[in-house]
Amino acid sequence: MTAVTTIKVPVELRDRIAAQARQNNVTLAAVIAKALDEADERRFWEAVRAENVAITEEERLERIHDSTLMDDLDDPVDAEVSIQNKW
């Protein structure tokens, strides 16, 4: 079993978490984990956007022409994965 702990939160917050948990038929912990996951993802994409805004046009063109970012359509491993996943 995973270790558990208790945290103190205002009753109003607990009630909001509980309402979402009931609505989605999940645990309170799942609601909190989802909220944290979504916040992490928002921070990641905000950082990506900030980085993209900060690069020069020359750097952008270098990235576009970076062959390591190109997809190798003839890669047999890609084809096998596509077949296995029915893509």
PDB file of N, CA and C in Angstrom:
ATOM      1  N   MET A   1       0.849  -1.183   0.000  1.00  0.00           N
ATOM      2  CA  MET A   1       0.000   0.000   0.000  1.00  0.00           C
ATOM      3  C   MET A   1       0.888   1.237   0.000  1.00  0.00           C
ATOM      4  N   THR A   2       0.476   2.258  -0.713  1.00  0.00           N
ATOM      5  CA  THR A   2       1.186   3.524  -0.755  1.00  0.00           C
ATOM      6  C   THR A   2       1.022   4.233   0.575  1.00  0.00           C
ATOM      7  N   ALA A   3       2.109   4.846   1.025  1.00  0.00           N
ATOM      8  CA  ALA A   3       2.041   5.620   2.266  1.00  0.00           C
ATOM      9  C   ALA A   3       1.085   6.793   2.079  1.00  0.00           C
ATOM     10  N   VAL A   4       0.374   7.127   3.113  1.00  0.00           N
ATOM     11  CA  VAL A   4      -0.581   8.235   3.059  1.00  0.00           C
ATOM     12  C   VAL A   4      -0.308   9.206   4.198  1.00  0.00           C
ATOM     13  N   THR A   5      -0.815  10.396   4.048  1.00  0.00           N
ATOM     14  CA  THR A   5      -0.680  11.412   5.075  1.00  0.00           C
ATOM     15  C   THR A   5      -1.938  12.263   5.094  1.00  0.00           C
ATOM     16  N   THR A   6      -2.038  13.097   6.080  1.00  0.00           N
ATOM     17  CA  THR A   6      -3.175  13.998   6.199  1.00  0.00           C
ATOM     18  C   THR A   6      -2.678  15.417   6.000  1.00  0.00           C
ATOM     19  N   ILE A   7      -3.444  16.218   5.273  1.00  0.00           N
ATOM     20  CA  ILE A   7      -3.106  17.628   5.135  1.00  0.00           C
ATOM     21  C   ILE A   7      -4.285  18.450   5.629  1.00  0.00           C
ATOM     22  N   LYS A   8      -3.980  19.614   6.165  1.00  0.00           N
ATOM     23  CA  LYS A   8      -5.035  20.505   6.635  1.00  0.00           C
ATOM     24  C   LYS A   8      -5.363  21.487   5.524  1.00  0.00           C
ATOM     25  N   VAL A   9      -6.627  21.509   5.158  1.00  0.00           N
ATOM     26  CA  VAL A   9      -7.108  22.452   4.156  1.00  0.00           C
ATOM     27  C   VAL A   9      -8.386  23.083   4.688  1.00  0.00           C
ATOM     28  N   PRO A  10      -8.697  24.277   4.216  1.00  0.00           N
ATOM     29  CA  PRO A  10      -9.968  24.874   4.633  1.00  0.00           C
ATOM     30  C   PRO A  10     -11.141  23.991   4.210  1.00  0.00           C
ATOM     31  N   VAL A  11     -12.186  24.010   4.986  1.00  0.00           N
ATOM     32  CA  VAL A  11     -13.366  23.185   4.722  1.00  0.00           C
ATOM     33  C   VAL A  11     -13.918  23.468   3.320  1.00  0.00           C
ATOM     34  N   GLU A  12     -13.915  24.727   2.925  1.00  0.00           N
ATOM     35  CA  GLU A  12     -14.441  25.092   1.600  1.00  0.00           C
ATOM     36  C   GLU A  12     -13.639  24.405   0.489  1.00  0.00           C
ATOM     37  N   LEU A  13     -12.329  24.340   0.643  1.00  0.00           N
ATOM     38  CA  LEU A  13     -11.486  23.682  -0.355  1.00  0.00           C
ATOM     39  C   LEU A  13     -11.753  22.183  -0.365  1.00  0.00           C
ATOM     40  N   ARG A  14     -11.827  21.595   0.806  1.00  0.00           N
ATOM     41  CA  ARG A  14     -12.142  20.166   0.892  1.00  0.00           C
ATOM     42  C   ARG A  14     -13.463  19.855   0.210  1.00  0.00           C
ATOM     43  N   ASP A  15     -14.454  20.728   0.414  1.00  0.00           N
ATOM     44  CA  ASP A  15     -15.763  20.524  -0.203  1.00  0.00           C
ATOM     45  C   ASP A  15     -15.687  20.637  -1.725  1.00  0.00           C
ATOM     46  N   ARG A  16     -14.885  21.563  -2.231  1.00  0.00           N
ATOM     47  CA  ARG A  16     -14.716  21.700  -3.690  1.00  0.00           C
ATOM     48  C   ARG A  16     -14.060  20.449  -4.267  1.00  0.00           C
ATOM     49  N   ILE A  17     -13.025  19.965  -3.587  1.00  0.00           N
ATOM     50  CA  ILE A  17     -12.337  18.752  -4.045  1.00  0.00           C
ATOM     51  C   ILE A  17     -13.305  17.569  -4.015  1.00  0.00           C
ATOM     52  N   ALA A  18     -14.064  17.460  -2.933  1.00  0.00           N
ATOM     53  CA  ALA A  18     -15.014  16.351  -2.792  1.00  0.00           C
ATOM     54  C   ALA A  18     -16.096  16.408  -3.864  1.00  0.00           C
ATOM     55  N   ALA A  19     -16.555  17.613  -4.188  1.00  0.00           N
ATOM     56  CA  ALA A  19     -17.593  17.755  -5.214  1.00  0.00           C
ATOM     57  C   ALA A  19     -17.064  17.287  -6.573  1.00  0.00           C
ATOM     58  N   GLN A  20     -15.836  17.679  -6.897  1.00  0.00           N
ATOM     59  CA  GLN A  20     -15.256  17.232  -8.171  1.00  0.00           C
ATOM     60  C   GLN A  20     -15.037  15.723  -8.165  1.00  0.00           C
ATOM     61  N   ALA A  21     -14.615  15.200  -7.033  1.00  0.00           N
ATOM     62  CA  ALA A  21     -14.389  13.750  -6.932  1.00  0.00           C
ATOM     63  C   ALA A  21     -15.695  12.994  -7.172  1.00  0.00           C
ATOM     64  N   ARG A  22     -16.764  13.445  -6.548  1.00  0.00           N
ATOM     65  CA  ARG A  22     -18.074  12.802  -6.745  1.00  0.00           C
ATOM     66  C   ARG A  22     -18.523  12.910  -8.202  1.00  0.00           C
ATOM     67  N   GLN A  23     -18.352  14.101  -8.769  1.00  0.00           N
ATOM     68  CA  GLN A  23     -18.784  14.343 -10.149  1.00  0.00           C
ATOM     69  C   GLN A  23     -18.046  13.435 -11.128  1.00  0.00           C
ATOM     70  N   ASN A  24     -16.760  13.176 -10.857  1.00  0.00           N
ATOM     71  CA  ASN A  24     -15.950  12.368 -11.769  1.00  0.00           C
ATOM     72  C   ASN A  24     -15.762  10.931 -11.296  1.00  0.00           C
ATOM     73  N   ASN A  25     -16.405  10.602 -10.177  1.00  0.00           N
ATOM     74  CA  ASN A  25     -16.344   9.253  -9.626  1.00  0.00           C
ATOM     75  C   ASN A  25     -14.901   8.803  -9.380  1.00  0.00           C
ATOM     76  N   VAL A  26     -14.120   9.687  -8.746  1.00  0.00           N
ATOM     77  CA  VAL A  26     -12.728   9.398  -8.406  1.00  0.00           C
ATOM     78  C   VAL A  26     -12.489   9.787  -6.954  1.00  0.00           C
ATOM     79  N   THR A  27     -11.301   9.495  -6.474  1.00  0.00           N
ATOM     80  CA  THR A  27     -10.963   9.854  -5.095  1.00  0.00           C
ATOM     81  C   THR A  27     -10.558  11.321  -5.005  1.00  0.00           C
ATOM     82  N   LEU A  28     -10.546  11.843  -3.787  1.00  0.00           N
ATOM     83  CA  LEU A  28     -10.071  13.200  -3.562  1.00  0.00           C
ATOM     84  C   LEU A  28      -8.612  13.317  -3.996  1.00  0.00           C
ATOM     85  N   ALA A  29      -7.827  12.282  -3.721  1.00  0.00           N
ATOM     86  CA  ALA A  29      -6.413  12.286  -4.115  1.00  0.00           C
ATOM     87  C   ALA A  29      -6.280  12.379  -5.633  1.00  0.00           C
ATOM     88  N   ALA A  30      -7.165  11.712  -6.365  1.00  0.00           N
ATOM     89  CA  ALA A  30      -7.109  11.759  -7.828  1.00  0.00           C
ATOM     90  C   ALA A  30      -7.413  13.163  -8.343  1.00  0.00           C
ATOM     91  N   VAL A  31      -8.342  13.843  -7.704  1.00  0.00           N
ATOM     92  CA  VAL A  31      -8.665  15.222  -8.095  1.00  0.00           C
ATOM     93  C   VAL A  31      -7.447  16.125  -7.876  1.00  0.00           C
ATOM     94  N   ILE A  32      -6.794  15.971  -6.738  1.00  0.00           N
ATOM     95  CA  ILE A  32      -5.615  16.786  -6.438  1.00  0.00           C
ATOM     96  C   ILE A  32      -4.486  16.456  -7.409  1.00  0.00           C
ATOM     97  N   ALA A  33      -4.246  15.178  -7.663  1.00  0.00           N
ATOM     98  CA  ALA A  33      -3.183  14.763  -8.591  1.00  0.00           C
ATOM     99  C   ALA A  33      -3.437  15.320  -9.983  1.00  0.00           C
ATOM    100  N   LYS A  34      -4.695  15.268 -10.440  1.00  0.00           N
ATOM    101  CA  LYS A  34      -5.029  15.789 -11.771  1.00  0.00           C
ATOM    102  C   LYS A  34      -4.772  17.288 -11.830  1.00  0.00           C
ATOM    103  N   ALA A  35      -5.155  18.010 -10.793  1.00  0.00           N
ATOM    104  CA  ALA A  35      -4.937  19.454 -10.768  1.00  0.00           C
ATOM    105  C   ALA A  35      -3.442  19.778 -10.817  1.00  0.00           C
ATOM    106  N   LEU A  36      -2.639  19.023 -10.084  1.00  0.00           N
ATOM    107  CA  LEU A  36      -1.193  19.240 -10.098  1.00  0.00           C
ATOM    108  C   LEU A  36      -0.595  18.885 -11.455  1.00  0.00           C
ATOM    109  N   ASP A  37      -1.055  17.784 -12.054  1.00  0.00           N
ATOM    110  CA  ASP A  37      -0.578  17.398 -13.383  1.00  0.00           C
ATOM    111  C   ASP A  37      -0.892  18.485 -14.415  1.00  0.00           C
ATOM    112  N   GLU A  38      -2.102  19.023 -14.351  1.00  0.00           N
ATOM    113  CA  GLU A  38      -2.495  20.073 -15.290  1.00  0.00           C
ATOM    114  C   GLU A  38      -1.672  21.337 -15.067  1.00  0.00           C
ATOM    115  N   ALA A  39      -1.385  21.668 -13.814  1.00  0.00           N
ATOM    116  CA  ALA A  39      -0.552  22.841 -13.525  1.00  0.00           C
ATOM    117  C   ALA A  39       0.867  22.639 -14.048  1.00  0.00           C
ATOM    118  N   ASP A  40       1.402  21.429 -13.867  1.00  0.00           N
ATOM    119  CA  ASP A  40       2.742  21.124 -14.406  1.00  0.00           C
ATOM    120  C   ASP A  40       2.763  21.274 -15.919  1.00  0.00           C
ATOM    121  N   GLU A  41       1.733  20.771 -16.577  1.00  0.00           N
ATOM    122  CA  GLU A  41       1.682  20.852 -18.040  1.00  0.00           C
ATOM    123  C   GLU A  41       1.561  22.304 -18.500  1.00  0.00           C
ATOM    124  N   ARG A  42       0.737  23.103 -17.808  1.00  0.00           N
ATOM    125  CA  ARG A  42       0.624  24.520 -18.162  1.00  0.00           C
ATOM    126  C   ARG A  42       1.973  25.222 -18.039  1.00  0.00           C
ATOM    127  N   ARG A  43       2.696  24.939 -16.940  1.00  0.00           N
ATOM    128  CA  ARG A  43       4.022  25.551 -16.755  1.00  0.00           C
ATOM    129  C   ARG A  43       4.976  25.140 -17.867  1.00  0.00           C
ATOM    130  N   PHE A  44       4.938  23.860 -18.256  1.00  0.00           N
ATOM    131  CA  PHE A  44       5.799  23.379 -19.336  1.00  0.00           C
ATOM    132  C   PHE A  44       5.527  24.147 -20.622  1.00  0.00           C
ATOM    133  N   TRP A  45       4.243  24.237 -21.015  1.00  0.00           N
ATOM    134  CA  TRP A  45       3.915  24.898 -22.276  1.00  0.00           C
ATOM    135  C   TRP A  45       4.158  26.393 -22.208  1.00  0.00           C
ATOM    136  N   GLU A  46       4.004  27.005 -21.042  1.00  0.00           N
ATOM    137  CA  GLU A  46       4.347  28.423 -20.887  1.00  0.00           C
ATOM    138  C   GLU A  46       5.839  28.627 -21.112  1.00  0.00           C
ATOM    139  N   ALA A  47       6.658  27.697 -20.613  1.00  0.00           N
ATOM    140  CA  ALA A  47       8.105  27.774 -20.818  1.00  0.00           C
ATOM    141  C   ALA A  47       8.455  27.582 -22.288  1.00  0.00           C
ATOM    142  N   VAL A  48       7.767  26.658 -22.960  1.00  0.00           N
ATOM    143  CA  VAL A  48       7.998  26.440 -24.393  1.00  0.00           C
ATOM    144  C   VAL A  48       7.651  27.714 -25.161  1.00  0.00           C
ATOM    145  N   ARG A  49       6.492  28.313 -24.844  1.00  0.00           N
ATOM    146  CA  ARG A  49       6.092  29.540 -25.532  1.00  0.00           C
ATOM    147  C   ARG A  49       7.104  30.658 -25.288  1.00  0.00           C
ATOM    148  N   ALA A  50       7.552  30.803 -24.059  1.00  0.00           N
ATOM    149  CA  ALA A  50       8.529  31.849 -23.735  1.00  0.00           C
ATOM    150  C   ALA A  50       9.830  31.620 -24.494  1.00  0.00           C
ATOM    151  N   GLU A  51      10.259  30.379 -24.580  1.00  0.00           N
ATOM    152  CA  GLU A  51      11.484  30.065 -25.318  1.00  0.00           C
ATOM    153  C   GLU A  51      11.307  30.371 -26.799  1.00  0.00           C
ATOM    154  N   ASN A  52      10.157  30.023 -27.349  1.00  0.00           N
ATOM    155  CA  ASN A  52       9.910  30.280 -28.767  1.00  0.00           C
ATOM    156  C   ASN A  52       9.855  31.774 -29.074  1.00  0.00           C
ATOM    157  N   VAL A  53       9.322  32.552 -28.172  1.00  0.00           N
ATOM    158  CA  VAL A  53       9.271  33.995 -28.362  1.00  0.00           C
ATOM    159  C   VAL A  53      10.682  34.589 -28.325  1.00  0.00           C
ATOM    160  N   ALA A  54      11.543  33.983 -27.507  1.00  0.00           N
ATOM    161  CA  ALA A  54      12.875  34.536 -27.287  1.00  0.00           C
ATOM    162  C   ALA A  54      13.882  34.202 -28.385  1.00  0.00           C
ATOM    163  N   ILE A  55      13.605  33.195 -29.211  1.00  0.00           N
ATOM    164  CA  ILE A  55      14.608  32.817 -30.208  1.00  0.00           C
ATOM    165  C   ILE A  55      14.554  33.752 -31.415  1.00  0.00           C
ATOM    166  N   THR A  56      15.685  33.882 -32.050  1.00  0.00           N
ATOM    167  CA  THR A  56      15.767  34.734 -33.234  1.00  0.00           C
ATOM    168  C   THR A  56      15.227  33.985 -34.442  1.00  0.00           C
ATOM    169  N   GLU A  57      14.981  34.727 -35.516  1.00  0.00           N
ATOM    170  CA  GLU A  57      14.509  34.102 -36.755  1.00  0.00           C
ATOM    171  C   GLU A  57      15.556  33.128 -37.275  1.00  0.00           C
ATOM    172  N   GLU A  58      16.815  33.464 -37.133  1.00  0.00           N
ATOM    173  CA  GLU A  58      17.895  32.569 -37.574  1.00  0.00           C
ATOM    174  C   GLU A  58      17.869  31.258 -36.790  1.00  0.00           C
ATOM    175  N   GLU A  59      17.690  31.343 -35.470  1.00  0.00           N
ATOM    176  CA  GLU A  59      17.604  30.127 -34.652  1.00  0.00           C
ATOM    177  C   GLU A  59      16.377  29.300 -35.031  1.00  0.00           C
ATOM    178  N   ARG A  60      15.283  29.990 -35.324  1.00  0.00           N
ATOM    179  CA  ARG A  60      14.051  29.288 -35.720  1.00  0.00           C
ATOM    180  C   ARG A  60      14.279  28.511 -37.014  1.00  0.00           C
ATOM    181  N   LEU A  61      14.925  29.135 -37.979  1.00  0.00           N
ATOM    182  CA  LEU A  61      15.207  28.458 -39.248  1.00  0.00           C
ATOM    183  C   LEU A  61      16.147  27.276 -39.057  1.00  0.00           C
ATOM    184  N   GLU A  62      17.122  27.416 -38.160  1.00  0.00           N
ATOM    185  CA  GLU A  62      18.028  26.295 -37.873  1.00  0.00           C
ATOM    186  C   GLU A  62      17.244  25.112 -37.313  1.00  0.00           C
ATOM    187  N   ARG A  63      16.299  25.392 -36.452  1.00  0.00           N
ATOM    188  CA  ARG A  63      15.500  24.312 -35.869  1.00  0.00           C
ATOM    189  C   ARG A  63      14.621  23.644 -36.917  1.00  0.00           C
ATOM    190  N   ILE A  64      14.076  24.438 -37.815  1.00  0.00           N
ATOM    191  CA  ILE A  64      13.219  23.880 -38.859  1.00  0.00           C
ATOM    192  C   ILE A  64      14.005  22.924 -39.738  1.00  0.00           C
ATOM    193  N   HIS A  65      15.262  23.260 -39.998  1.00  0.00           N
ATOM    194  CA  HIS A  65      16.075  22.456 -40.903  1.00  0.00           C
ATOM    195  C   HIS A  65      16.930  21.421 -40.173  1.00  0.00           C
ATOM    196  N   ASP A  66      16.723  21.258 -38.879  1.00  0.00           N
ATOM    197  CA  ASP A  66      17.472  20.275 -38.100  1.00  0.00           C
ATOM    198  C   ASP A  66      16.993  18.876 -38.496  1.00  0.00           C
ATOM    199  N   SER A  67      17.855  18.109 -39.134  1.00  0.00           N
ATOM    200  CA  SER A  67      17.450  16.786 -39.632  1.00  0.00           C
ATOM    201  C   SER A  67      17.097  15.824 -38.507  1.00  0.00           C
ATOM    202  N   THR A  68      17.573  16.065 -37.296  1.00  0.00           N
ATOM    203  CA  THR A  68      17.233  15.159 -36.195  1.00  0.00           C
ATOM    204  C   THR A  68      15.775  15.306 -35.791  1.00  0.00           C
ATOM    205  N   LEU A  69      15.133  16.396 -36.218  1.00  0.00           N
ATOM    206  CA  LEU A  69      13.726  16.590 -35.890  1.00  0.00           C
ATOM    207  C   LEU A  69      12.796  16.082 -36.983  1.00  0.00           C
ATOM    208  N   MET A  70      13.382  15.714 -38.115  1.00  0.00           N
ATOM    209  CA  MET A  70      12.581  15.229 -39.238  1.00  0.00           C
ATOM    210  C   MET A  70      12.158  13.780 -38.985  1.00  0.00           C
ATOM    211  N   ASP A  71      11.003  13.409 -39.481  1.00  0.00           N
ATOM    212  CA  ASP A  71      10.531  12.032 -39.356  1.00  0.00           C
ATOM    213  C   ASP A  71      11.084  11.218 -40.525  1.00  0.00           C
ATOM    214  N   ASP A  72      11.594  10.060 -40.216  1.00  0.00           N
ATOM    215  CA  ASP A  72      12.090   9.161 -41.253  1.00  0.00           C
ATOM    216  C   ASP A  72      10.951   8.222 -41.629  1.00  0.00           C
ATOM    217  N   LEU A  73      10.279   8.541 -42.717  1.00  0.00           N
ATOM    218  CA  LEU A  73       9.097   7.771 -43.108  1.00  0.00           C
ATOM    219  C   LEU A  73       9.426   6.342 -43.505  1.00  0.00           C
ATOM    220  N   ASP A  74      10.692   6.092 -43.857  1.00  0.00           N
ATOM    221  CA  ASP A  74      11.083   4.742 -44.268  1.00  0.00           C
ATOM    222  C   ASP A  74      11.598   3.896 -43.109  1.00  0.00           C
ATOM    223  N   ASP A  75      11.488   4.386 -41.894  1.00  0.00           N
ATOM    224  CA  ASP A  75      11.997   3.666 -40.726  1.00  0.00           C
ATOM    225  C   ASP A  75      11.119   2.439 -40.470  1.00  0.00           C
ATOM    226  N   PRO A  76      11.682   1.225 -40.563  1.00  0.00           N
ATOM    227  CA  PRO A  76      10.863   0.014 -40.365  1.00  0.00           C
ATOM    228  C   PRO A  76      10.294  -0.098 -38.954  1.00  0.00           C
ATOM    229  N   VAL A  77      10.984   0.461 -37.968  1.00  0.00           N
ATOM    230  CA  VAL A  77      10.469   0.415 -36.590  1.00  0.00           C
ATOM    231  C   VAL A  77       9.194   1.246 -36.504  1.00  0.00           C
ATOM    232  N   ASP A  78       9.184   2.426 -37.153  1.00  0.00           N
ATOM    233  CA  ASP A  78       7.972   3.241 -37.175  1.00  0.00           C
ATOM    234  C   ASP A  78       6.815   2.474 -37.801  1.00  0.00           C
ATOM    235  N   ALA A  79       7.110   1.795 -38.901  1.00  0.00           N
ATOM    236  CA  ALA A  79       6.067   1.034 -39.590  1.00  0.00           C
ATOM    237  C   ALA A  79       5.510  -0.067 -38.689  1.00  0.00           C
ATOM    238  N   GLU A  80       6.401  -0.767 -37.981  1.00  0.00           N
ATOM    239  CA  GLU A  80       5.971  -1.843 -37.089  1.00  0.00           C
ATOM    240  C   GLU A  80       5.100  -1.306 -35.953  1.00  0.00           C
ATOM    241  N   VAL A  81       5.513  -0.175 -35.376  1.00  0.00           N
ATOM    242  CA  VAL A  81       4.726   0.437 -34.297  1.00  0.00           C
ATOM    243  C   VAL A  81       3.349   0.837 -34.829  1.00  0.00           C
ATOM    244  N   SER A  82       3.316   1.391 -36.034  1.00  0.00           N
ATOM    245  CA  SER A  82       2.044   1.782 -36.635  1.00  0.00           C
ATOM    246  C   SER A  82       1.137   0.572 -36.817  1.00  0.00           C
ATOM    247  N   ILE A  83       1.708  -0.522 -37.268  1.00  0.00           N
ATOM    248  CA  ILE A  83       0.927  -1.746 -37.482  1.00  0.00           C
ATOM    249  C   ILE A  83       0.395  -2.274 -36.146  1.00  0.00           C
ATOM    250  N   GLN A  84       1.280  -2.316 -35.141  1.00  0.00           N
ATOM    251  CA  GLN A  84       0.871  -2.831 -33.824  1.00  0.00           C
ATOM    252  C   GLN A  84      -0.223  -2.002 -33.202  1.00  0.00           C
ATOM    253  N   ASN A  85      -0.156  -0.681 -33.400  1.00  0.00           N
ATOM    254  CA  ASN A  85      -1.142   0.215 -32.783  1.00  0.00           C
ATOM    255  C   ASN A  85      -2.315   0.536 -33.702  1.00  0.00           C
ATOM    256  N   LYS A  86      -2.324  -0.107 -34.869  1.00  0.00           N
ATOM    257  CA  LYS A  86      -3.412   0.070 -35.840  1.00  0.00           C
ATOM    258  C   LYS A  86      -3.577   1.535 -36.250  1.00  0.00           C
ATOM    259  N   TRP A  87      -2.429   2.212 -36.466  1.00  0.00           N
ATOM    260  CA  TRP A  87      -2.478   3.622 -36.925  1.00  0.00           C
ATOM    261  C   TRP A  87      -2.585   3.659 -38.399  1.00  0.00           C
TER     262      TRP A  87
END
